[in-house]
Structures are given as C-alpha cells and as structure tokens.
C-alpha atoms as a PDB file:
ATOM      1  CA  MET A   1       0.000   0.000   0.000  1.00  0.00           C
ATOM      2  CA  PRO A   2       1.562   3.341  -1.030  1.00  0.00           C
ATOM      3  CA  ILE A   3       0.059   5.311   1.879  1.00  0.00           C
ATOM      4  CA  ASP A   4       1.817   4.185   5.022  1.00  0.00           C
ATOM      5  CA  GLU A   5       1.806   6.154   8.288  1.00  0.00           C
ATOM      6  CA  LYS A   6       4.795   8.316   7.241  1.00  0.00           C
ATOM      7  CA  VAL A   7       3.140   9.343   3.960  1.00  0.00           C
ATOM      8  CA  LYS A   8      -0.215   9.912   5.695  1.00  0.00           C
ATOM      9  CA  SER A   9       1.453  12.116   8.305  1.00  0.00           C
ATOM     10  CA  VAL A  10       2.990  14.352   5.634  1.00  0.00           C
ATOM     11  CA  ILE A  11      -0.205  14.564   3.559  1.00  0.00           C
ATOM     12  CA  GLU A  12      -2.399  15.436   6.525  1.00  0.00           C
ATOM     13  CA  GLY A  13       0.272  17.611   8.163  1.00  0.00           C
ATOM     14  CA  THR A  14       0.750  20.076   5.324  1.00  0.00           C
ATOM     15  CA  ALA A  15      -1.451  23.074   4.592  1.00  0.00           C
ATOM     16  CA  PHE A  16      -1.060  22.754   0.813  1.00  0.00           C
ATOM     17  CA  LEU A  17      -0.620  19.958  -1.714  1.00  0.00           C
ATOM     18  CA  SER A  18       0.419  20.150  -5.346  1.00  0.00           C
ATOM     19  CA  VAL A  19      -1.859  18.274  -7.741  1.00  0.00           C
ATOM     20  CA  ILE A  20      -0.845  17.661 -11.343  1.00  0.00           C
ATOM     21  CA  THR A  21      -3.148  16.465 -14.128  1.00  0.00           C
ATOM     22  CA  LEU A  22      -2.632  16.245 -17.882  1.00  0.00           C
ATOM     23  CA  ASN A  23      -4.030  18.747 -20.369  1.00  0.00           C
ATOM     24  CA  ALA A  24      -5.460  17.436 -23.669  1.00  0.00           C
ATOM     25  CA  ASP A  25      -2.136  18.174 -25.409  1.00  0.00           C
ATOM     26  CA  GLY A  26      -0.229  16.103 -22.831  1.00  0.00           C
ATOM     27  CA  THR A  27       1.314  19.025 -20.962  1.00  0.00           C
ATOM     28  CA  PRO A  28       1.128  19.027 -17.161  1.00  0.00           C
ATOM     29  CA  HIS A  29      -1.400  21.199 -15.336  1.00  0.00           C
ATOM     30  CA  PRO A  30      -0.093  21.786 -11.772  1.00  0.00           C
ATOM     31  CA  ILE A  31      -2.222  23.437  -9.086  1.00  0.00           C
ATOM     32  CA  ILE A  32      -2.046  24.020  -5.355  1.00  0.00           C
ATOM     33  CA  THR A  33      -4.875  22.734  -3.206  1.00  0.00           C
ATOM     34  CA  GLY A  34      -5.600  23.016   0.492  1.00  0.00           C
ATOM     35  CA  LYS A  35      -5.595  20.350   3.158  1.00  0.00           C
ATOM     36  CA  ALA A  36      -6.427  16.767   2.306  1.00  0.00           C
ATOM     37  CA  GLU A  37      -7.545  13.746   4.260  1.00  0.00           C
ATOM     38  CA  VAL A  38      -6.326  10.194   3.881  1.00  0.00           C
ATOM     39  CA  VAL A  39      -9.306   7.836   3.800  1.00  0.00           C
ATOM     40  CA  GLY A  40      -8.194   4.235   3.581  1.00  0.00           C
ATOM     41  CA  ASP A  41      -6.057   3.942   0.457  1.00  0.00           C
ATOM     42  CA  THR A  42      -7.155   7.306  -0.977  1.00  0.00           C
ATOM     43  CA  VAL A  43      -6.376  11.001  -0.616  1.00  0.00           C
ATOM     44  CA  VAL A  44      -9.511  13.154  -0.609  1.00  0.00           C
ATOM     45  CA  PHE A  45      -9.583  16.921  -1.051  1.00  0.00           C
ATOM     46  CA  GLY A  46     -12.312  19.431  -1.778  1.00  0.00           C
ATOM     47  CA  ILE A  47     -12.893  21.104  -5.099  1.00  0.00           C
ATOM     48  CA  TYR A  48     -12.597  24.861  -5.141  1.00  0.00           C
ATOM     49  CA  LYS A  49     -13.002  25.967  -8.728  1.00  0.00           C
ATOM     50  CA  MET A  50     -10.457  23.611 -10.375  1.00  0.00           C
ATOM     51  CA  GLU A  51     -12.229  23.878 -13.741  1.00  0.00           C
ATOM     52  CA  THR A  52      -9.213  22.721 -15.747  1.00  0.00           C
ATOM     53  CA  THR A  53      -8.362  19.957 -13.282  1.00  0.00           C
ATOM     54  CA  GLN A  54     -11.919  18.630 -13.418  1.00  0.00           C
ATOM     55  CA  LYS A  55     -11.925  18.728 -17.227  1.00  0.00           C
ATOM     56  CA  ASN A  56      -8.562  16.976 -17.363  1.00  0.00           C
ATOM     57  CA  LEU A  57      -9.646  14.206 -14.977  1.00  0.00           C
ATOM     58  CA  LYS A  58     -12.782  13.502 -17.000  1.00  0.00           C
ATOM     59  CA  ALA A  59     -10.558  12.875 -20.040  1.00  0.00           C
ATOM     60  CA  ASP A  60      -7.600  11.183 -18.299  1.00  0.00           C
ATOM     61  CA  LYS A  61      -7.630   9.880 -14.692  1.00  0.00           C
ATOM     62  CA  ARG A  62      -3.847   9.953 -14.295  1.00  0.00           C
ATOM     63  CA  ALA A  63      -2.688  12.366 -11.599  1.00  0.00           C
ATOM     64  CA  TRP A  64       0.225  13.156  -9.316  1.00  0.00           C
ATOM     65  CA  VAL A  65       0.170  14.582  -5.802  1.00  0.00           C
ATOM     66  CA  VAL A  66       3.201  16.157  -4.139  1.00  0.00           C
ATOM     67  CA  ALA A  67       3.182  16.715  -0.382  1.00  0.00           C
ATOM     68  CA  ALA A  68       5.980  18.186   1.730  1.00  0.00           C
ATOM     69  CA  THR A  69       6.430  19.446   5.261  1.00  0.00           C
ATOM     70  CA  LEU A  70       9.137  20.869   7.496  1.00  0.00           C
ATOM     71  CA  SER A  71       7.514  19.475  10.662  1.00  0.00           C
ATOM     72  CA  ASP A  72       9.949  17.242  12.525  1.00  0.00           C
ATOM     73  CA  GLY A  73      12.503  17.791   9.747  1.00  0.00           C
ATOM     74  CA  PRO A  74      11.934  18.055   6.004  1.00  0.00           C
ATOM     75  CA  LYS A  75       9.908  15.255   4.405  1.00  0.00           C
ATOM     76  CA  GLY A  76       8.198  15.006   1.046  1.00  0.00           C
ATOM     77  CA  TYR A  77       6.502  12.480  -1.209  1.00  0.00           C
ATOM     78  CA  ARG A  78       5.361  12.263  -4.822  1.00  0.00           C
ATOM     79  CA  LEU A  79       2.364   9.997  -5.326  1.00  0.00           C
ATOM     80  CA  THR A  80       1.370   8.662  -8.742  1.00  0.00           C
ATOM     81  CA  GLY A  81      -2.071   7.250  -9.459  1.00  0.00           C
ATOM     82  CA  ASP A  82      -5.595   7.948 -10.663  1.00  0.00           C
ATOM     83  CA  ALA A  83      -8.132  10.524  -9.522  1.00  0.00           C
ATOM     84  CA  VAL A  84     -11.854  10.917 -10.021  1.00  0.00           C
ATOM     85  CA  ILE A  85     -14.346  13.633  -9.206  1.00  0.00           C
ATOM     86  CA  GLY A  86     -16.860  12.501  -6.597  1.00  0.00           C
ATOM     87  CA  GLY A  87     -19.423  15.213  -5.963  1.00  0.00           C
ATOM     88  CA  GLU A  88     -17.550  18.161  -4.465  1.00  0.00           C
ATOM     89  CA  LYS A  89     -14.366  16.191  -3.867  1.00  0.00           C
ATOM     90  CA  VAL A  90     -11.429  14.772  -5.751  1.00  0.00           C
ATOM     91  CA  VAL A  91     -10.613  11.204  -4.747  1.00  0.00           C
ATOM     92  CA  PHE A  92      -7.027  10.252  -5.584  1.00  0.00           C
ATOM     93  CA  THR A  93      -5.905   6.611  -5.406  1.00  0.00           C
ATOM     94  CA  PRO A  94      -2.118   6.306  -5.528  1.00  0.00           C
ATOM     95  CA  ALA A  95      -0.403   3.330  -7.081  1.00  0.00           C
ATOM     96  CA  LYS A  96       3.074   4.465  -6.047  1.00  0.00           C
ATOM     97  CA  ALA A  97       4.661   6.772  -3.461  1.00  0.00           C
ATOM     98  CA  GLU A  98       8.252   8.012  -3.717  1.00  0.00           C
ATOM     99  CA  ALA A  99      10.204   9.877  -1.042  1.00  0.00           C
ATOM    100  CA  LEU A 100      11.554  13.183  -2.334  1.00  0.00           C
ATOM    101  CA  ILE A 101      13.449  14.449   0.681  1.00  0.00           C
END
C-alpha cells in the first residue's frame, strides 16, 4: 500500500498539496490545493473551482500529488495514481509513493 503512516502524516500535516493532471495536449497542469484527508487507500480533497483539473480528470484519470512538510525535519513524497471527481471532492488513489526528501 503506497500510503503508510509516514506518507499519511505528511499529507495530513501540510497546509497545501500540489496536484498535477494532464491537459489534452499532454502538458502538465499543476495546481495548489488546500488540506487533504487520507481515507483508507485514498487522498480526498475538496474542489474549489479547479475547472481545468476537473476537465482533465474527465478525459484522463492519471494524476500526481506532491506533499511536503518541514515538521519534525523536512519530508516530502510524490504519489502517482488515478483521480476521479466525486461530488464536491477529488478522490485520488495512488499506485506508487516516492520519497523526495
């Protein structure tokens, strides 16, 4: 499972996450989103605007989430997986988590 306690701690301990989706031409579309919650094997965060992100996810579920914190020393992770829009939330299911720091 990509989300172990260390990864969960960083995701839930940071005020902002970076979320990257793919535009129709294949270029990355990075955004910053607020706090997220780890629910089981998923990362869930609310939608605030995110028009391009929503459009991108409807066409291509692939997404990346980057989380970092300085709490208790610098830590960061890049998660790769799929995301879907569920009502007013984005539900991201990582397939892989890599330590960055």
